[in-house]
Amino acid sequence: MESKEQLLQEIETLKSKLTGDMMSDMEIRDQIHNVEMKVNGVKPEDSHFDCIGCGS
Protein backbone atom coordinates (compact mmCIF):
# COMPACT_ATOMS: atom_id res chain seq x y z
CA MET A 1 0.00 0.00 0.00
CA GLU A 2 1.24 3.45 -0.87
CA SER A 3 2.07 5.86 1.91
CA LYS A 4 0.26 9.18 2.24
CA GLU A 5 3.53 10.89 1.26
CA GLN A 6 3.72 8.85 -1.98
CA LEU A 7 0.09 9.64 -2.79
CA LEU A 8 0.62 13.36 -2.23
CA GLN A 9 3.67 13.26 -4.51
CA GLU A 10 1.59 11.49 -7.16
CA ILE A 11 -1.03 14.27 -6.92
CA GLU A 12 1.66 16.92 -7.44
CA THR A 13 3.04 15.04 -10.44
CA LEU A 14 -0.41 14.77 -11.98
CA LYS A 15 -1.15 18.46 -11.33
CA SER A 16 2.06 19.40 -13.15
CA LYS A 17 0.68 17.65 -16.27
CA LEU A 18 -2.47 19.80 -16.42
CA THR A 19 -2.63 21.90 -19.59
CA GLY A 20 -5.49 24.26 -18.78
CA ASP A 21 -7.63 22.72 -21.54
CA MET A 22 -10.65 21.24 -19.81
CA MET A 23 -11.20 18.46 -22.35
CA SER A 24 -7.63 17.19 -22.28
CA ASP A 25 -7.36 17.64 -18.50
CA MET A 26 -10.47 15.59 -17.65
CA GLU A 27 -8.64 12.26 -17.40
CA ILE A 28 -5.80 13.78 -15.34
CA ARG A 29 -8.28 15.49 -13.01
CA ASP A 30 -10.09 12.16 -12.59
CA GLN A 31 -6.80 10.50 -11.64
CA ILE A 32 -6.04 13.32 -9.17
CA HIS A 33 -9.50 12.90 -7.65
CA ASN A 34 -9.03 9.15 -7.27
CA VAL A 35 -5.66 9.62 -5.54
CA GLU A 36 -7.15 12.32 -3.26
CA MET A 37 -9.91 9.89 -2.26
CA LYS A 38 -7.23 7.34 -1.28
CA VAL A 39 -5.42 10.01 0.77
CA ASN A 40 -8.65 10.99 2.52
CA GLY A 41 -9.84 7.40 2.94
CA VAL A 42 -13.11 8.18 1.17
CA LYS A 43 -13.20 5.09 -1.00
CA PRO A 44 -11.48 1.75 -0.51
CA GLU A 45 -8.61 1.11 -2.89
CA ASP A 46 -9.71 -1.05 -5.86
CA SER A 47 -13.37 -0.49 -5.02
CA HIS A 48 -15.81 -0.77 -7.91
CA PHE A 49 -18.44 1.26 -6.09
CA ASP A 50 -18.85 4.85 -7.19
CA CYS A 51 -18.24 7.72 -4.85
CA ILE A 52 -21.70 8.75 -3.67
CA GLY A 53 -20.63 12.23 -2.57
CA CYS A 54 -19.44 13.47 -5.95
CA GLY A 55 -20.69 10.85 -8.42
CA SER A 56 -17.23 9.91 -9.67
PDB file of N, CA and C in Angstrom:
ATOM      1  N   MET A   1       0.845  -1.197   0.000  1.00  0.00           N
ATOM      2  CA  MET A   1       0.000   0.000   0.000  1.00  0.00           C
ATOM      3  C   MET A   1       0.880   1.246   0.000  1.00  0.00           C
ATOM      4  N   GLU A   2       0.466   2.215  -0.759  1.00  0.00           N
ATOM      5  CA  GLU A   2       1.237   3.448  -0.871  1.00  0.00           C
ATOM      6  C   GLU A   2       1.073   4.289   0.393  1.00  0.00           C
ATOM      7  N   SER A   3       2.143   4.977   0.754  1.00  0.00           N
ATOM      8  CA  SER A   3       2.067   5.860   1.910  1.00  0.00           C
ATOM      9  C   SER A   3       1.386   7.165   1.503  1.00  0.00           C
ATOM     10  N   LYS A   4       0.909   7.897   2.495  1.00  0.00           N
ATOM     11  CA  LYS A   4       0.264   9.181   2.235  1.00  0.00           C
ATOM     12  C   LYS A   4       1.234  10.114   1.506  1.00  0.00           C
ATOM     13  N   GLU A   5       2.509  10.051   1.887  1.00  0.00           N
ATOM     14  CA  GLU A   5       3.533  10.887   1.257  1.00  0.00           C
ATOM     15  C   GLU A   5       3.660  10.557  -0.240  1.00  0.00           C
ATOM     16  N   GLN A   6       3.638   9.266  -0.573  1.00  0.00           N
ATOM     17  CA  GLN A   6       3.720   8.847  -1.983  1.00  0.00           C
ATOM     18  C   GLN A   6       2.493   9.313  -2.758  1.00  0.00           C
ATOM     19  N   LEU A   7       1.332   9.211  -2.131  1.00  0.00           N
ATOM     20  CA  LEU A   7       0.093   9.637  -2.791  1.00  0.00           C
ATOM     21  C   LEU A   7       0.094  11.143  -3.038  1.00  0.00           C
ATOM     22  N   LEU A   8       0.564  11.910  -2.057  1.00  0.00           N
ATOM     23  CA  LEU A   8       0.618  13.364  -2.225  1.00  0.00           C
ATOM     24  C   LEU A   8       1.594  13.742  -3.337  1.00  0.00           C
ATOM     25  N   GLN A   9       2.705  13.016  -3.442  1.00  0.00           N
ATOM     26  CA  GLN A   9       3.674  13.257  -4.511  1.00  0.00           C
ATOM     27  C   GLN A   9       3.047  12.942  -5.865  1.00  0.00           C
ATOM     28  N   GLU A  10       2.274  11.870  -5.914  1.00  0.00           N
ATOM     29  CA  GLU A  10       1.590  11.492  -7.155  1.00  0.00           C
ATOM     30  C   GLU A  10       0.611  12.587  -7.587  1.00  0.00           C
ATOM     31  N   ILE A  11      -0.106  13.169  -6.620  1.00  0.00           N
ATOM     32  CA  ILE A  11      -1.035  14.267  -6.920  1.00  0.00           C
ATOM     33  C   ILE A  11      -0.272  15.438  -7.527  1.00  0.00           C
ATOM     34  N   GLU A  12       0.861  15.801  -6.929  1.00  0.00           N
ATOM     35  CA  GLU A  12       1.659  16.925  -7.440  1.00  0.00           C
ATOM     36  C   GLU A  12       2.156  16.646  -8.856  1.00  0.00           C
ATOM     37  N   THR A  13       2.576  15.412  -9.107  1.00  0.00           N
ATOM     38  CA  THR A  13       3.045  15.036 -10.442  1.00  0.00           C
ATOM     39  C   THR A  13       1.915  15.161 -11.452  1.00  0.00           C
ATOM     40  N   LEU A  14       0.735  14.681 -11.083  1.00  0.00           N
ATOM     41  CA  LEU A  14      -0.413  14.775 -11.978  1.00  0.00           C
ATOM     42  C   LEU A  14      -0.801  16.235 -12.225  1.00  0.00           C
ATOM     43  N   LYS A  15      -0.785  17.049 -11.177  1.00  0.00           N
ATOM     44  CA  LYS A  15      -1.146  18.464 -11.328  1.00  0.00           C
ATOM     45  C   LYS A  15      -0.189  19.176 -12.269  1.00  0.00           C
ATOM     46  N   SER A  16       1.082  18.751 -12.272  1.00  0.00           N
ATOM     47  CA  SER A  16       2.062  19.396 -13.154  1.00  0.00           C
ATOM     48  C   SER A  16       1.793  19.072 -14.622  1.00  0.00           C
ATOM     49  N   LYS A  17       0.990  18.042 -14.891  1.00  0.00           N
ATOM     50  CA  LYS A  17       0.677  17.649 -16.268  1.00  0.00           C
ATOM     51  C   LYS A  17      -0.558  18.367 -16.812  1.00  0.00           C
ATOM     52  N   LEU A  18      -1.268  19.113 -15.967  1.00  0.00           N
ATOM     53  CA  LEU A  18      -2.471  19.805 -16.418  1.00  0.00           C
ATOM     54  C   LEU A  18      -2.103  20.872 -17.450  1.00  0.00           C
ATOM     55  N   THR A  19      -2.919  20.967 -18.495  1.00  0.00           N
ATOM     56  CA  THR A  19      -2.630  21.895 -19.587  1.00  0.00           C
ATOM     57  C   THR A  19      -3.474  23.172 -19.527  1.00  0.00           C
ATOM     58  N   GLY A  20      -4.570  23.119 -18.791  1.00  0.00           N
ATOM     59  CA  GLY A  20      -5.486  24.260 -18.780  1.00  0.00           C
ATOM     60  C   GLY A  20      -6.642  24.061 -19.751  1.00  0.00           C
ATOM     61  N   ASP A  21      -6.549  23.052 -20.607  1.00  0.00           N
ATOM     62  CA  ASP A  21      -7.630  22.718 -21.539  1.00  0.00           C
ATOM     63  C   ASP A  21      -8.535  21.692 -20.864  1.00  0.00           C
ATOM     64  N   MET A  22      -9.752  22.086 -20.591  1.00  0.00           N
ATOM     65  CA  MET A  22     -10.648  21.240 -19.812  1.00  0.00           C
ATOM     66  C   MET A  22     -10.815  19.843 -20.414  1.00  0.00           C
ATOM     67  N   MET A  23     -10.959  19.760 -21.717  1.00  0.00           N
ATOM     68  CA  MET A  23     -11.197  18.457 -22.347  1.00  0.00           C
ATOM     69  C   MET A  23      -9.991  17.533 -22.194  1.00  0.00           C
ATOM     70  N   SER A  24      -8.802  18.050 -22.392  1.00  0.00           N
ATOM     71  CA  SER A  24      -7.626  17.186 -22.284  1.00  0.00           C
ATOM     72  C   SER A  24      -7.244  16.937 -20.828  1.00  0.00           C
ATOM     73  N   ASP A  25      -7.685  17.792 -19.922  1.00  0.00           N
ATOM     74  CA  ASP A  25      -7.361  17.636 -18.501  1.00  0.00           C
ATOM     75  C   ASP A  25      -8.329  16.725 -17.755  1.00  0.00           C
ATOM     76  N   MET A  26      -9.446  16.363 -18.375  1.00  0.00           N
ATOM     77  CA  MET A  26     -10.467  15.595 -17.651  1.00  0.00           C
ATOM     78  C   MET A  26      -9.915  14.290 -17.076  1.00  0.00           C
ATOM     79  N   GLU A  27      -9.167  13.548 -17.871  1.00  0.00           N
ATOM     80  CA  GLU A  27      -8.639  12.263 -17.399  1.00  0.00           C
ATOM     81  C   GLU A  27      -7.639  12.475 -16.253  1.00  0.00           C
ATOM     82  N   ILE A  28      -6.785  13.485 -16.394  1.00  0.00           N
ATOM     83  CA  ILE A  28      -5.799  13.782 -15.342  1.00  0.00           C
ATOM     84  C   ILE A  28      -6.515  14.193 -14.067  1.00  0.00           C
ATOM     85  N   ARG A  29      -7.528  15.047 -14.197  1.00  0.00           N
ATOM     86  CA  ARG A  29      -8.282  15.486 -13.014  1.00  0.00           C
ATOM     87  C   ARG A  29      -8.981  14.312 -12.340  1.00  0.00           C
ATOM     88  N   ASP A  30      -9.460  13.358 -13.135  1.00  0.00           N
ATOM     89  CA  ASP A  30     -10.095  12.165 -12.587  1.00  0.00           C
ATOM     90  C   ASP A  30      -9.067  11.348 -11.798  1.00  0.00           C
ATOM     91  N   GLN A  31      -7.868  11.224 -12.346  1.00  0.00           N
ATOM     92  CA  GLN A  31      -6.799  10.502 -11.643  1.00  0.00           C
ATOM     93  C   GLN A  31      -6.443  11.202 -10.339  1.00  0.00           C
ATOM     94  N   ILE A  32      -6.338  12.541 -10.382  1.00  0.00           N
ATOM     95  CA  ILE A  32      -6.043  13.318  -9.171  1.00  0.00           C
ATOM     96  C   ILE A  32      -7.129  13.067  -8.132  1.00  0.00           C
ATOM     97  N   HIS A  33      -8.370  13.107  -8.565  1.00  0.00           N
ATOM     98  CA  HIS A  33      -9.499  12.904  -7.654  1.00  0.00           C
ATOM     99  C   HIS A  33      -9.431  11.521  -7.004  1.00  0.00           C
ATOM    100  N   ASN A  34      -9.119  10.509  -7.805  1.00  0.00           N
ATOM    101  CA  ASN A  34      -9.025   9.149  -7.271  1.00  0.00           C
ATOM    102  C   ASN A  34      -7.915   9.031  -6.234  1.00  0.00           C
ATOM    103  N   VAL A  35      -6.772   9.667  -6.496  1.00  0.00           N
ATOM    104  CA  VAL A  35      -5.659   9.625  -5.539  1.00  0.00           C
ATOM    105  C   VAL A  35      -6.044  10.389  -4.274  1.00  0.00           C
ATOM    106  N   GLU A  36      -6.716  11.543  -4.430  1.00  0.00           N
ATOM    107  CA  GLU A  36      -7.145  12.322  -3.257  1.00  0.00           C
ATOM    108  C   GLU A  36      -8.113  11.518  -2.400  1.00  0.00           C
ATOM    109  N   MET A  37      -8.981  10.724  -3.034  1.00  0.00           N
ATOM    110  CA  MET A  37      -9.907   9.891  -2.263  1.00  0.00           C
ATOM    111  C   MET A  37      -9.139   8.852  -1.453  1.00  0.00           C
ATOM    112  N   LYS A  38      -8.061   8.295  -2.024  1.00  0.00           N
ATOM    113  CA  LYS A  38      -7.231   7.343  -1.282  1.00  0.00           C
ATOM    114  C   LYS A  38      -6.586   8.032  -0.086  1.00  0.00           C
ATOM    115  N   VAL A  39      -6.065   9.255  -0.307  1.00  0.00           N
ATOM    116  CA  VAL A  39      -5.416  10.013   0.769  1.00  0.00           C
ATOM    117  C   VAL A  39      -6.404  10.269   1.899  1.00  0.00           C
ATOM    118  N   ASN A  40      -7.638  10.636   1.525  1.00  0.00           N
ATOM    119  CA  ASN A  40      -8.653  10.991   2.516  1.00  0.00           C
ATOM    120  C   ASN A  40      -9.421   9.785   3.044  1.00  0.00           C
ATOM    121  N   GLY A  41      -9.159   8.613   2.488  1.00  0.00           N
ATOM    122  CA  GLY A  41      -9.843   7.400   2.938  1.00  0.00           C
ATOM    123  C   GLY A  41     -11.318   7.382   2.606  1.00  0.00           C
ATOM    124  N   VAL A  42     -11.702   8.082   1.533  1.00  0.00           N
ATOM    125  CA  VAL A  42     -13.110   8.184   1.175  1.00  0.00           C
ATOM    126  C   VAL A  42     -13.610   6.902   0.537  1.00  0.00           C
ATOM    127  N   LYS A  43     -12.771   6.246  -0.227  1.00  0.00           N
ATOM    128  CA  LYS A  43     -13.197   5.086  -0.997  1.00  0.00           C
ATOM    129  C   LYS A  43     -12.113   4.021  -0.877  1.00  0.00           C
ATOM    130  N   PRO A  44     -12.481   2.803  -0.609  1.00  0.00           N
ATOM    131  CA  PRO A  44     -11.480   1.749  -0.509  1.00  0.00           C
ATOM    132  C   PRO A  44     -10.711   1.586  -1.819  1.00  0.00           C
ATOM    133  N   GLU A  45      -9.424   1.340  -1.714  1.00  0.00           N
ATOM    134  CA  GLU A  45      -8.606   1.107  -2.889  1.00  0.00           C
ATOM    135  C   GLU A  45      -9.167  -0.083  -3.656  1.00  0.00           C
ATOM    136  N   ASP A  46      -9.199   0.015  -4.977  1.00  0.00           N
ATOM    137  CA  ASP A  46      -9.706  -1.047  -5.856  1.00  0.00           C
ATOM    138  C   ASP A  46     -11.208  -1.289  -5.701  1.00  0.00           C
ATOM    139  N   SER A  47     -11.935  -0.330  -5.157  1.00  0.00           N
ATOM    140  CA  SER A  47     -13.374  -0.487  -5.017  1.00  0.00           C
ATOM    141  C   SER A  47     -14.048  -0.216  -6.360  1.00  0.00           C
ATOM    142  N   HIS A  48     -15.068  -0.986  -6.677  1.00  0.00           N
ATOM    143  CA  HIS A  48     -15.812  -0.772  -7.913  1.00  0.00           C
ATOM    144  C   HIS A  48     -17.060   0.070  -7.663  1.00  0.00           C
ATOM    145  N   PHE A  49     -17.280   0.449  -6.410  1.00  0.00           N
ATOM    146  CA  PHE A  49     -18.439   1.259  -6.085  1.00  0.00           C
ATOM    147  C   PHE A  49     -18.125   2.726  -6.330  1.00  0.00           C
ATOM    148  N   ASP A  50     -19.060   3.430  -6.909  1.00  0.00           N
ATOM    149  CA  ASP A  50     -18.852   4.846  -7.187  1.00  0.00           C
ATOM    150  C   ASP A  50     -18.887   5.657  -5.901  1.00  0.00           C
ATOM    151  N   CYS A  51     -18.234   6.775  -5.950  1.00  0.00           N
ATOM    152  CA  CYS A  51     -18.243   7.716  -4.845  1.00  0.00           C
ATOM    153  C   CYS A  51     -19.615   8.401  -4.823  1.00  0.00           C
ATOM    154  N   ILE A  52     -20.348   8.212  -3.755  1.00  0.00           N
ATOM    155  CA  ILE A  52     -21.703   8.748  -3.668  1.00  0.00           C
ATOM    156  C   ILE A  52     -21.680  10.275  -3.550  1.00  0.00           C
ATOM    157  N   GLY A  53     -20.691  10.793  -2.823  1.00  0.00           N
ATOM    158  CA  GLY A  53     -20.633  12.228  -2.566  1.00  0.00           C
ATOM    159  C   GLY A  53     -20.491  13.078  -3.807  1.00  0.00           C
ATOM    160  N   CYS A  54     -19.688  12.619  -4.780  1.00  0.00           N
ATOM    161  CA  CYS A  54     -19.439  13.470  -5.946  1.00  0.00           C
ATOM    162  C   CYS A  54     -19.832  12.806  -7.249  1.00  0.00           C
ATOM    163  N   GLY A  55     -20.241  11.533  -7.211  1.00  0.00           N
ATOM    164  CA  GLY A  55     -20.691  10.854  -8.416  1.00  0.00           C
ATOM    165  C   GLY A  55     -19.575  10.347  -9.303  1.00  0.00           C
ATOM    166  N   SER A  56     -18.337  10.388  -8.839  1.00  0.00           N
ATOM    167  CA  SER A  56     -17.225   9.906  -9.672  1.00  0.00           C
ATOM    168  C   SER A  56     -17.251   8.397  -9.805  1.00  0.00           C
TER     169      SER A  56
END
